[in-house]
Amino acid sequence: MVSPKKDNELYSYADYITWRDDVRYELIDGQIHRTELAPSVAHQMLVGEVYRCLANQLDRSRYRALIGPVDVRLPKREEPDEQIDTVVRPDVLVLSNPGQLGPRGVRGAPDWVMEVISPSTAGHDQVTKRRIYERAGVREFWLVHPSDRILTAYTLNAEGRYDRPHVQLLQGSTDLVGLMGVRIDWDTVAA
């Protein structure tokens, strides 16, 4: 495994899979974005609890919950994997199409994505990844701010744009818009 060069070169998934795996990267429109090597324990506990809550509710359904890090390749058209220039690693995601899941991760937009914001990733998650998820067609995108105990939830509208976000404190429960009867109970998950 090699490290990517630090120049203005644009990269693809073919490059990405050759990079060292002791450093975490995401690839956004061909540009390298380093991510945290090890999120905080509180971050991981929240991610784990949300995943467990979803996995339990989705058991025996066609939906699959996945916990990061898992590579999600987001093609812009129908290009082959090696030409894809955007690869992200959401904290938690839900897929309705099992055909999207393969040995190297996910190809195509998940139905639902959650990112837990940490100080070092806040701008990347709130601006860059929100734009990428909207462009890719992720139907529902949640940002969880654990220190402020706030959820910001975006839902894709019929024009393929995110509506004004729903914002709430991490208390009570929140329904996943696209998954009838599936909800996160914040009083249990984020206690």
N, C-alpha and C. Protein backbone atom coordinates (compact mmCIF):
# COMPACT_ATOMS: atom_id res chain seq x y z
N MET A 1 0.84 -1.18 0.00
CA MET A 1 0.00 0.00 0.00
C MET A 1 0.89 1.25 0.00
N VAL A 2 0.40 2.29 -0.66
CA VAL A 2 1.16 3.54 -0.78
C VAL A 2 0.32 4.69 -0.23
N SER A 3 0.97 5.82 -0.01
CA SER A 3 0.26 7.04 0.37
C SER A 3 0.00 7.84 -0.89
N PRO A 4 -1.13 8.54 -0.97
CA PRO A 4 -1.37 9.38 -2.14
C PRO A 4 -0.40 10.55 -2.14
N LYS A 5 -0.10 11.06 -3.33
CA LYS A 5 0.77 12.22 -3.45
C LYS A 5 0.03 13.44 -2.92
N LYS A 6 0.78 14.43 -2.49
CA LYS A 6 0.16 15.66 -1.97
C LYS A 6 0.30 16.75 -3.02
N ASP A 7 -0.39 16.59 -4.13
CA ASP A 7 -0.36 17.60 -5.18
C ASP A 7 -1.79 17.87 -5.63
N ASN A 8 -1.94 18.54 -6.71
CA ASN A 8 -3.28 18.89 -7.19
C ASN A 8 -3.88 17.85 -8.12
N GLU A 9 -3.29 16.66 -8.16
CA GLU A 9 -3.79 15.59 -9.01
C GLU A 9 -5.17 15.14 -8.54
N LEU A 10 -6.01 14.75 -9.49
CA LEU A 10 -7.31 14.19 -9.15
C LEU A 10 -7.20 12.67 -9.15
N TYR A 11 -7.91 12.02 -8.22
CA TYR A 11 -7.80 10.59 -8.04
C TYR A 11 -9.14 9.91 -8.29
N SER A 12 -9.08 8.59 -8.46
CA SER A 12 -10.28 7.78 -8.66
C SER A 12 -10.25 6.62 -7.67
N TYR A 13 -11.30 5.83 -7.70
CA TYR A 13 -11.38 4.66 -6.84
C TYR A 13 -10.23 3.69 -7.11
N ALA A 14 -9.77 3.62 -8.36
CA ALA A 14 -8.63 2.74 -8.70
C ALA A 14 -7.40 3.15 -7.90
N ASP A 15 -7.18 4.44 -7.69
CA ASP A 15 -6.07 4.92 -6.86
C ASP A 15 -6.36 4.64 -5.39
N TYR A 16 -7.56 4.97 -4.97
CA TYR A 16 -7.98 4.87 -3.58
C TYR A 16 -7.70 3.49 -2.99
N ILE A 17 -8.00 2.44 -3.74
CA ILE A 17 -7.83 1.09 -3.18
C ILE A 17 -6.37 0.68 -3.05
N THR A 18 -5.44 1.49 -3.55
CA THR A 18 -4.01 1.17 -3.41
C THR A 18 -3.37 1.90 -2.22
N TRP A 19 -4.11 2.79 -1.58
CA TRP A 19 -3.53 3.60 -0.51
C TRP A 19 -3.44 2.84 0.80
N ARG A 20 -2.52 3.28 1.64
CA ARG A 20 -2.32 2.67 2.96
C ARG A 20 -3.63 2.65 3.73
N ASP A 21 -3.87 1.56 4.44
CA ASP A 21 -5.11 1.49 5.19
C ASP A 21 -4.94 1.83 6.66
N ASP A 22 -3.74 2.31 7.06
CA ASP A 22 -3.58 2.79 8.43
C ASP A 22 -3.90 4.28 8.53
N VAL A 23 -4.25 4.88 7.40
CA VAL A 23 -4.72 6.27 7.35
C VAL A 23 -6.07 6.23 6.67
N ARG A 24 -7.06 6.93 7.23
CA ARG A 24 -8.41 6.93 6.65
C ARG A 24 -8.58 8.10 5.70
N TYR A 25 -9.08 7.80 4.53
CA TYR A 25 -9.33 8.81 3.51
C TYR A 25 -10.77 8.73 3.03
N GLU A 26 -11.24 9.85 2.51
CA GLU A 26 -12.43 9.88 1.68
C GLU A 26 -12.00 10.58 0.39
N LEU A 27 -12.71 10.32 -0.66
CA LEU A 27 -12.41 10.90 -1.97
C LEU A 27 -13.65 11.66 -2.41
N ILE A 28 -13.51 12.97 -2.58
CA ILE A 28 -14.64 13.81 -2.95
C ILE A 28 -14.32 14.50 -4.27
N ASP A 29 -15.03 14.15 -5.33
CA ASP A 29 -14.79 14.73 -6.65
C ASP A 29 -13.31 14.66 -7.04
N GLY A 30 -12.68 13.52 -6.71
CA GLY A 30 -11.29 13.29 -7.09
C GLY A 30 -10.27 13.87 -6.15
N GLN A 31 -10.69 14.60 -5.13
CA GLN A 31 -9.76 15.21 -4.18
C GLN A 31 -9.74 14.42 -2.88
N ILE A 32 -8.55 14.35 -2.29
CA ILE A 32 -8.33 13.58 -1.06
C ILE A 32 -8.79 14.37 0.15
N HIS A 33 -9.48 13.68 1.04
CA HIS A 33 -9.86 14.25 2.34
C HIS A 33 -9.47 13.23 3.40
N ARG A 34 -8.51 13.58 4.25
CA ARG A 34 -8.16 12.70 5.37
C ARG A 34 -9.22 12.81 6.43
N THR A 35 -9.55 11.70 7.05
CA THR A 35 -10.53 11.71 8.14
C THR A 35 -9.83 11.26 9.41
N GLU A 36 -10.54 11.37 10.51
CA GLU A 36 -9.98 10.96 11.80
C GLU A 36 -9.58 9.49 11.77
N LEU A 37 -8.46 9.18 12.39
CA LEU A 37 -8.07 7.78 12.51
C LEU A 37 -8.94 7.06 13.53
N ALA A 38 -9.12 7.67 14.68
CA ALA A 38 -9.90 7.03 15.73
C ALA A 38 -10.82 8.06 16.37
N PRO A 39 -12.11 8.00 16.07
CA PRO A 39 -13.05 8.91 16.73
C PRO A 39 -13.08 8.66 18.23
N SER A 40 -13.64 9.60 18.97
CA SER A 40 -13.72 9.47 20.43
C SER A 40 -14.58 8.27 20.81
N VAL A 41 -14.40 7.82 22.02
CA VAL A 41 -15.21 6.70 22.52
C VAL A 41 -16.68 7.10 22.56
N ALA A 42 -16.98 8.33 22.98
CA ALA A 42 -18.38 8.79 23.01
C ALA A 42 -19.00 8.75 21.60
N HIS A 43 -18.24 9.17 20.60
CA HIS A 43 -18.68 9.14 19.21
C HIS A 43 -19.01 7.71 18.81
N GLN A 44 -18.10 6.79 19.07
CA GLN A 44 -18.29 5.40 18.69
C GLN A 44 -19.44 4.74 19.44
N MET A 45 -19.62 5.11 20.70
CA MET A 45 -20.74 4.54 21.46
C MET A 45 -22.07 5.00 20.87
N LEU A 46 -22.18 6.28 20.51
CA LEU A 46 -23.40 6.79 19.90
C LEU A 46 -23.66 6.11 18.56
N VAL A 47 -22.64 6.00 17.74
CA VAL A 47 -22.76 5.33 16.44
C VAL A 47 -23.22 3.88 16.64
N GLY A 48 -22.60 3.20 17.59
CA GLY A 48 -22.95 1.80 17.86
C GLY A 48 -24.38 1.63 18.34
N GLU A 49 -24.84 2.53 19.20
CA GLU A 49 -26.21 2.44 19.71
C GLU A 49 -27.23 2.72 18.62
N VAL A 50 -26.97 3.72 17.77
CA VAL A 50 -27.89 4.00 16.66
C VAL A 50 -27.93 2.79 15.71
N TYR A 51 -26.77 2.25 15.39
CA TYR A 51 -26.73 1.07 14.51
C TYR A 51 -27.53 -0.09 15.12
N ARG A 52 -27.30 -0.36 16.40
CA ARG A 52 -28.00 -1.48 17.05
C ARG A 52 -29.51 -1.26 17.04
N CYS A 53 -29.92 -0.03 17.31
CA CYS A 53 -31.35 0.30 17.29
C CYS A 53 -31.94 0.03 15.90
N LEU A 54 -31.25 0.49 14.86
CA LEU A 54 -31.73 0.27 13.49
C LEU A 54 -31.71 -1.20 13.10
N ALA A 55 -30.59 -1.86 13.38
CA ALA A 55 -30.46 -3.28 13.00
C ALA A 55 -31.55 -4.12 13.65
N ASN A 56 -31.86 -3.84 14.91
CA ASN A 56 -32.93 -4.59 15.59
C ASN A 56 -34.27 -4.36 14.93
N GLN A 57 -34.56 -3.12 14.55
CA GLN A 57 -35.86 -2.82 13.94
C GLN A 57 -35.95 -3.33 12.50
N LEU A 58 -34.84 -3.41 11.81
CA LEU A 58 -34.84 -3.82 10.40
C LEU A 58 -34.65 -5.32 10.22
N ASP A 59 -34.44 -6.04 11.33
CA ASP A 59 -34.25 -7.48 11.25
C ASP A 59 -35.43 -8.11 10.50
N ARG A 60 -35.12 -8.99 9.59
CA ARG A 60 -36.10 -9.71 8.77
C ARG A 60 -36.84 -8.82 7.78
N SER A 61 -36.25 -7.69 7.45
CA SER A 61 -36.83 -6.84 6.40
C SER A 61 -35.84 -6.82 5.23
N ARG A 62 -36.21 -6.17 4.17
CA ARG A 62 -35.31 -6.07 3.02
C ARG A 62 -34.23 -5.02 3.25
N TYR A 63 -34.35 -4.23 4.30
CA TYR A 63 -33.38 -3.17 4.60
C TYR A 63 -32.21 -3.70 5.40
N ARG A 64 -31.04 -3.11 5.17
CA ARG A 64 -29.83 -3.47 5.90
C ARG A 64 -29.19 -2.23 6.48
N ALA A 65 -28.91 -2.27 7.77
CA ALA A 65 -28.15 -1.20 8.43
C ALA A 65 -26.68 -1.60 8.42
N LEU A 66 -25.81 -0.65 8.18
CA LEU A 66 -24.37 -0.87 8.20
C LEU A 66 -23.72 0.20 9.08
N ILE A 67 -22.66 -0.19 9.76
CA ILE A 67 -21.91 0.73 10.61
C ILE A 67 -20.55 0.97 9.97
N GLY A 68 -20.09 2.21 10.03
CA GLY A 68 -18.80 2.56 9.45
C GLY A 68 -17.64 2.09 10.29
N PRO A 69 -16.48 2.06 9.68
CA PRO A 69 -16.24 2.56 8.34
C PRO A 69 -16.55 1.51 7.27
N VAL A 70 -17.30 1.93 6.28
CA VAL A 70 -17.55 1.12 5.08
C VAL A 70 -17.48 2.08 3.90
N ASP A 71 -16.78 1.67 2.86
CA ASP A 71 -16.65 2.53 1.68
C ASP A 71 -17.96 2.58 0.92
N VAL A 72 -18.41 3.79 0.62
CA VAL A 72 -19.60 4.01 -0.19
C VAL A 72 -19.15 4.75 -1.45
N ARG A 73 -19.18 4.04 -2.57
CA ARG A 73 -18.79 4.63 -3.86
C ARG A 73 -20.01 5.30 -4.46
N LEU A 74 -19.85 6.58 -4.82
CA LEU A 74 -20.97 7.35 -5.34
C LEU A 74 -20.69 7.78 -6.78
N PRO A 75 -21.08 6.93 -7.74
CA PRO A 75 -20.86 7.29 -9.14
C PRO A 75 -21.73 8.48 -9.54
N LYS A 76 -21.25 9.23 -10.50
CA LYS A 76 -22.03 10.36 -11.01
C LYS A 76 -22.94 9.92 -12.15
N ARG A 77 -22.51 8.90 -12.85
CA ARG A 77 -23.30 8.31 -13.94
C ARG A 77 -23.21 6.79 -13.78
N GLU A 78 -22.96 6.10 -14.84
CA GLU A 78 -22.82 4.64 -14.78
C GLU A 78 -21.37 4.20 -14.95
N GLU A 79 -20.42 5.07 -14.59
CA GLU A 79 -19.01 4.74 -14.79
C GLU A 79 -18.60 3.50 -13.98
N PRO A 80 -17.61 2.77 -14.49
CA PRO A 80 -17.12 1.59 -13.74
C PRO A 80 -16.46 2.05 -12.43
N ASP A 81 -16.37 1.12 -11.48
CA ASP A 81 -15.82 1.44 -10.16
C ASP A 81 -14.49 2.18 -10.23
N GLU A 82 -13.59 1.70 -11.08
CA GLU A 82 -12.25 2.29 -11.08
C GLU A 82 -12.25 3.76 -11.51
N GLN A 83 -13.32 4.24 -12.12
CA GLN A 83 -13.40 5.64 -12.54
C GLN A 83 -14.19 6.52 -11.58
N ILE A 84 -14.81 5.94 -10.57
CA ILE A 84 -15.58 6.72 -9.60
C ILE A 84 -14.62 7.63 -8.84
N ASP A 85 -15.01 8.90 -8.67
CA ASP A 85 -14.11 9.84 -8.00
C ASP A 85 -14.63 10.31 -6.64
N THR A 86 -15.68 9.67 -6.12
CA THR A 86 -16.20 10.04 -4.81
C THR A 86 -16.46 8.77 -3.99
N VAL A 87 -15.74 8.66 -2.87
CA VAL A 87 -15.87 7.53 -1.95
C VAL A 87 -15.94 8.11 -0.54
N VAL A 88 -17.04 7.86 0.16
CA VAL A 88 -17.22 8.37 1.52
C VAL A 88 -17.37 7.22 2.49
N ARG A 89 -17.23 7.54 3.77
CA ARG A 89 -17.35 6.55 4.84
C ARG A 89 -18.30 7.07 5.91
N PRO A 90 -19.61 6.92 5.70
CA PRO A 90 -20.57 7.39 6.71
C PRO A 90 -20.46 6.61 8.01
N ASP A 91 -20.95 7.21 9.08
CA ASP A 91 -20.93 6.53 10.38
C ASP A 91 -21.94 5.37 10.42
N VAL A 92 -23.17 5.63 9.95
CA VAL A 92 -24.21 4.60 9.89
C VAL A 92 -25.00 4.83 8.61
N LEU A 93 -25.45 3.76 7.97
CA LEU A 93 -26.25 3.90 6.77
C LEU A 93 -27.26 2.76 6.67
N VAL A 94 -28.30 3.00 5.87
CA VAL A 94 -29.33 1.99 5.62
C VAL A 94 -29.50 1.85 4.12
N LEU A 95 -29.55 0.59 3.67
CA LEU A 95 -29.78 0.27 2.25
C LEU A 95 -31.07 -0.51 2.11
N SER A 96 -31.81 -0.21 1.04
CA SER A 96 -32.99 -1.02 0.73
C SER A 96 -32.69 -2.02 -0.38
N ASN A 97 -31.62 -1.77 -1.13
CA ASN A 97 -31.28 -2.62 -2.27
C ASN A 97 -30.03 -3.45 -1.93
N PRO A 98 -30.19 -4.74 -1.64
CA PRO A 98 -29.03 -5.56 -1.29
C PRO A 98 -28.02 -5.69 -2.44
N GLY A 99 -28.46 -5.40 -3.67
CA GLY A 99 -27.56 -5.44 -4.81
C GLY A 99 -26.49 -4.36 -4.77
N GLN A 100 -26.67 -3.35 -3.94
CA GLN A 100 -25.67 -2.29 -3.79
C GLN A 100 -24.47 -2.74 -2.96
N LEU A 101 -24.65 -3.78 -2.18
CA LEU A 101 -23.64 -4.23 -1.24
C LEU A 101 -22.77 -5.30 -1.87
N GLY A 102 -21.45 -5.10 -1.80
CA GLY A 102 -20.51 -6.07 -2.35
C GLY A 102 -19.32 -6.21 -1.43
N PRO A 103 -18.33 -7.01 -1.83
CA PRO A 103 -17.18 -7.26 -0.97
C PRO A 103 -16.35 -6.01 -0.66
N ARG A 104 -16.41 -5.00 -1.50
CA ARG A 104 -15.64 -3.77 -1.27
C ARG A 104 -16.49 -2.64 -0.72
N GLY A 105 -17.70 -2.93 -0.27
CA GLY A 105 -18.55 -1.90 0.31
C GLY A 105 -19.83 -1.71 -0.48
N VAL A 106 -20.23 -0.46 -0.61
CA VAL A 106 -21.51 -0.09 -1.21
C VAL A 106 -21.27 0.71 -2.47
N ARG A 107 -22.07 0.43 -3.50
CA ARG A 107 -22.03 1.24 -4.72
C ARG A 107 -23.40 1.88 -4.88
N GLY A 108 -23.41 3.20 -4.91
CA GLY A 108 -24.66 3.94 -5.07
C GLY A 108 -25.13 4.54 -3.77
N ALA A 109 -26.12 5.41 -3.88
CA ALA A 109 -26.63 6.16 -2.74
C ALA A 109 -27.40 5.27 -1.76
N PRO A 110 -27.01 5.29 -0.48
CA PRO A 110 -27.84 4.64 0.53
C PRO A 110 -29.18 5.37 0.65
N ASP A 111 -30.15 4.73 1.27
CA ASP A 111 -31.45 5.36 1.51
C ASP A 111 -31.35 6.39 2.64
N TRP A 112 -30.55 6.08 3.65
CA TRP A 112 -30.43 6.91 4.85
C TRP A 112 -28.98 6.90 5.30
N VAL A 113 -28.48 8.06 5.70
CA VAL A 113 -27.10 8.18 6.20
C VAL A 113 -27.11 9.04 7.45
N MET A 114 -26.29 8.65 8.43
CA MET A 114 -26.07 9.48 9.61
C MET A 114 -24.58 9.71 9.79
N GLU A 115 -24.23 10.96 10.04
CA GLU A 115 -22.87 11.34 10.39
C GLU A 115 -22.91 11.95 11.79
N VAL A 116 -22.01 11.52 12.66
CA VAL A 116 -21.87 12.12 13.98
C VAL A 116 -20.73 13.13 13.88
N ILE A 117 -21.05 14.36 14.17
CA ILE A 117 -20.08 15.44 14.01
C ILE A 117 -19.09 15.45 15.17
N SER A 118 -17.82 15.56 14.82
CA SER A 118 -16.78 15.80 15.81
C SER A 118 -16.11 17.12 15.43
N PRO A 119 -15.39 17.75 16.35
CA PRO A 119 -14.81 19.06 16.05
C PRO A 119 -13.94 19.07 14.78
N SER A 120 -13.23 18.01 14.53
CA SER A 120 -12.32 18.00 13.37
C SER A 120 -13.04 17.73 12.05
N THR A 121 -14.29 17.26 12.08
CA THR A 121 -15.00 16.94 10.84
C THR A 121 -16.24 17.79 10.61
N ALA A 122 -16.54 18.74 11.48
CA ALA A 122 -17.80 19.48 11.42
C ALA A 122 -18.04 20.14 10.07
N GLY A 123 -17.10 20.93 9.58
CA GLY A 123 -17.29 21.60 8.30
C GLY A 123 -17.42 20.62 7.14
N HIS A 124 -16.59 19.59 7.15
CA HIS A 124 -16.62 18.58 6.10
C HIS A 124 -17.99 17.89 6.07
N ASP A 125 -18.50 17.52 7.24
CA ASP A 125 -19.78 16.82 7.31
C ASP A 125 -20.96 17.75 6.96
N GLN A 126 -20.94 18.97 7.49
CA GLN A 126 -22.08 19.87 7.33
C GLN A 126 -22.16 20.50 5.94
N VAL A 127 -21.04 20.69 5.29
CA VAL A 127 -21.05 21.37 3.99
C VAL A 127 -20.75 20.39 2.86
N THR A 128 -19.56 19.83 2.86
CA THR A 128 -19.11 19.00 1.75
C THR A 128 -19.95 17.72 1.62
N LYS A 129 -20.07 16.98 2.72
CA LYS A 129 -20.79 15.70 2.61
C LYS A 129 -22.28 15.92 2.41
N ARG A 130 -22.85 16.97 2.96
CA ARG A 130 -24.25 17.27 2.70
C ARG A 130 -24.47 17.48 1.20
N ARG A 131 -23.60 18.24 0.57
CA ARG A 131 -23.70 18.50 -0.88
C ARG A 131 -23.55 17.19 -1.66
N ILE A 132 -22.59 16.36 -1.26
CA ILE A 132 -22.33 15.09 -1.96
C ILE A 132 -23.54 14.15 -1.81
N TYR A 133 -24.08 14.03 -0.60
CA TYR A 133 -25.23 13.15 -0.38
C TYR A 133 -26.45 13.64 -1.15
N GLU A 134 -26.65 14.94 -1.19
CA GLU A 134 -27.77 15.48 -1.96
C GLU A 134 -27.60 15.17 -3.44
N ARG A 135 -26.43 15.43 -3.97
CA ARG A 135 -26.15 15.17 -5.40
C ARG A 135 -26.34 13.69 -5.73
N ALA A 136 -25.92 12.80 -4.82
CA ALA A 136 -26.00 11.36 -5.07
C ALA A 136 -27.42 10.82 -4.93
N GLY A 137 -28.31 11.57 -4.27
CA GLY A 137 -29.68 11.11 -4.10
C GLY A 137 -29.95 10.35 -2.82
N VAL A 138 -29.15 10.60 -1.77
CA VAL A 138 -29.43 9.99 -0.46
C VAL A 138 -30.73 10.62 0.05
N ARG A 139 -31.74 9.79 0.22
CA ARG A 139 -33.08 10.30 0.55
C ARG A 139 -33.16 11.01 1.89
N GLU A 140 -32.37 10.53 2.85
CA GLU A 140 -32.42 11.13 4.18
C GLU A 140 -31.00 11.18 4.75
N PHE A 141 -30.60 12.36 5.22
CA PHE A 141 -29.26 12.58 5.77
C PHE A 141 -29.39 13.24 7.13
N TRP A 142 -28.85 12.56 8.15
CA TRP A 142 -28.89 13.08 9.51
C TRP A 142 -27.49 13.47 9.96
N LEU A 143 -27.40 14.64 10.59
CA LEU A 143 -26.19 15.08 11.27
C LEU A 143 -26.49 15.12 12.77
N VAL A 144 -25.70 14.42 13.55
CA VAL A 144 -25.89 14.41 14.99
C VAL A 144 -24.74 15.20 15.61
N HIS A 145 -25.09 16.20 16.41
CA HIS A 145 -24.13 17.04 17.11
C HIS A 145 -24.13 16.57 18.57
N PRO A 146 -23.25 15.64 18.95
CA PRO A 146 -23.35 15.06 20.29
C PRO A 146 -23.07 16.06 21.41
N SER A 147 -22.14 16.99 21.22
CA SER A 147 -21.83 17.92 22.31
C SER A 147 -22.97 18.90 22.54
N ASP A 148 -23.68 19.30 21.48
CA ASP A 148 -24.83 20.19 21.61
C ASP A 148 -26.13 19.42 21.80
N ARG A 149 -26.08 18.10 21.61
CA ARG A 149 -27.24 17.21 21.72
C ARG A 149 -28.36 17.64 20.79
N ILE A 150 -27.97 17.84 19.50
CA ILE A 150 -28.91 18.29 18.47
C ILE A 150 -28.84 17.38 17.26
N LEU A 151 -30.01 17.12 16.67
CA LEU A 151 -30.12 16.40 15.40
C LEU A 151 -30.54 17.40 14.34
N THR A 152 -29.85 17.36 13.19
CA THR A 152 -30.25 18.11 12.01
C THR A 152 -30.53 17.07 10.93
N ALA A 153 -31.79 16.98 10.48
CA ALA A 153 -32.19 15.93 9.54
C ALA A 153 -32.66 16.56 8.23
N TYR A 154 -32.05 16.12 7.12
CA TYR A 154 -32.41 16.58 5.78
C TYR A 154 -33.16 15.48 5.05
N THR A 155 -34.19 15.86 4.28
CA THR A 155 -34.96 14.92 3.48
C THR A 155 -34.99 15.42 2.04
N LEU A 156 -34.71 14.52 1.11
CA LEU A 156 -34.70 14.85 -0.32
C LEU A 156 -36.12 15.08 -0.81
N ASN A 157 -36.34 16.17 -1.54
CA ASN A 157 -37.67 16.44 -2.09
C ASN A 157 -37.78 15.91 -3.52
N ALA A 158 -38.91 16.11 -4.16
CA ALA A 158 -39.18 15.58 -5.50
C ALA A 158 -38.24 16.18 -6.56
N GLU A 159 -37.68 17.36 -6.30
CA GLU A 159 -36.75 17.98 -7.24
C GLU A 159 -35.31 17.52 -7.03
N GLY A 160 -35.10 16.59 -6.07
CA GLY A 160 -33.76 16.09 -5.81
C GLY A 160 -32.91 17.02 -4.97
N ARG A 161 -33.54 17.88 -4.20
CA ARG A 161 -32.84 18.82 -3.31
C ARG A 161 -33.27 18.55 -1.87
N TYR A 162 -32.38 18.87 -0.94
CA TYR A 162 -32.76 18.74 0.46
C TYR A 162 -33.64 19.92 0.86
N ASP A 163 -34.76 19.60 1.51
CA ASP A 163 -35.63 20.62 2.07
C ASP A 163 -34.94 21.26 3.28
N ARG A 164 -35.55 22.30 3.79
CA ARG A 164 -35.06 22.92 5.03
C ARG A 164 -34.99 21.81 6.08
N PRO A 165 -33.91 21.75 6.85
CA PRO A 165 -33.75 20.63 7.79
C PRO A 165 -34.72 20.69 8.96
N HIS A 166 -35.01 19.52 9.46
CA HIS A 166 -35.73 19.37 10.72
C HIS A 166 -34.65 19.35 11.80
N VAL A 167 -34.79 20.19 12.82
CA VAL A 167 -33.80 20.28 13.89
C VAL A 167 -34.51 19.98 15.20
N GLN A 168 -33.90 19.12 16.00
CA GLN A 168 -34.49 18.80 17.31
C GLN A 168 -33.39 18.44 18.30
N LEU A 169 -33.73 18.55 19.57
CA LEU A 169 -32.82 18.09 20.61
C LEU A 169 -32.79 16.56 20.59
N LEU A 170 -31.70 15.98 21.06
CA LEU A 170 -31.59 14.53 21.14
C LEU A 170 -32.37 14.04 22.36
N GLN A 171 -33.68 14.10 22.24
CA GLN A 171 -34.58 13.59 23.27
C GLN A 171 -35.86 13.13 22.60
N GLY A 172 -36.61 12.30 23.28
CA GLY A 172 -37.78 11.72 22.64
C GLY A 172 -37.35 10.77 21.55
N SER A 173 -38.07 10.79 20.43
CA SER A 173 -37.71 9.91 19.32
C SER A 173 -37.84 10.65 18.00
N THR A 174 -37.20 10.09 16.97
CA THR A 174 -37.26 10.65 15.63
C THR A 174 -37.52 9.50 14.67
N ASP A 175 -38.56 9.65 13.82
CA ASP A 175 -38.88 8.66 12.81
C ASP A 175 -37.98 8.85 11.59
N LEU A 176 -37.56 7.75 10.99
CA LEU A 176 -36.90 7.82 9.70
C LEU A 176 -38.00 8.01 8.67
N VAL A 177 -37.95 9.08 7.91
CA VAL A 177 -39.03 9.45 7.00
C VAL A 177 -39.33 8.35 5.99
N GLY A 178 -38.30 7.76 5.41
CA GLY A 178 -38.50 6.77 4.35
C GLY A 178 -38.72 5.35 4.84
N LEU A 179 -38.72 5.12 6.15
CA LEU A 179 -38.87 3.76 6.68
C LEU A 179 -39.99 3.75 7.71
N MET A 180 -41.18 3.40 7.27
CA MET A 180 -42.35 3.42 8.14
C MET A 180 -42.12 2.60 9.40
N GLY A 181 -42.38 3.21 10.53
CA GLY A 181 -42.31 2.51 11.80
C GLY A 181 -40.92 2.38 12.38
N VAL A 182 -39.89 2.89 11.69
CA VAL A 182 -38.53 2.80 12.21
C VAL A 182 -38.19 4.16 12.82
N ARG A 183 -37.70 4.12 14.06
CA ARG A 183 -37.39 5.36 14.75
C ARG A 183 -36.20 5.17 15.68
N ILE A 184 -35.58 6.27 15.98
CA ILE A 184 -34.49 6.28 16.95
C ILE A 184 -35.03 6.89 18.24
N ASP A 185 -34.88 6.18 19.34
CA ASP A 185 -35.29 6.65 20.67
C ASP A 185 -34.05 7.27 21.33
N TRP A 186 -33.96 8.59 21.27
CA TRP A 186 -32.77 9.30 21.78
C TRP A 186 -32.61 9.14 23.28
N ASP A 187 -33.70 8.97 24.02
CA ASP A 187 -33.59 8.83 25.46
C ASP A 187 -32.86 7.54 25.83
N THR A 188 -32.90 6.55 24.94
CA THR A 188 -32.18 5.30 25.15
C THR A 188 -30.80 5.34 24.49
N VAL A 189 -30.75 5.81 23.26
CA VAL A 189 -29.52 5.78 22.46
C VAL A 189 -28.48 6.79 22.93
N ALA A 190 -28.90 8.01 23.20
CA ALA A 190 -27.96 9.09 23.52
C ALA A 190 -27.94 9.44 24.99
N ALA A 191 -28.28 8.46 25.82
CA ALA A 191 -28.35 8.73 27.27
C ALA A 191 -26.97 8.96 27.87
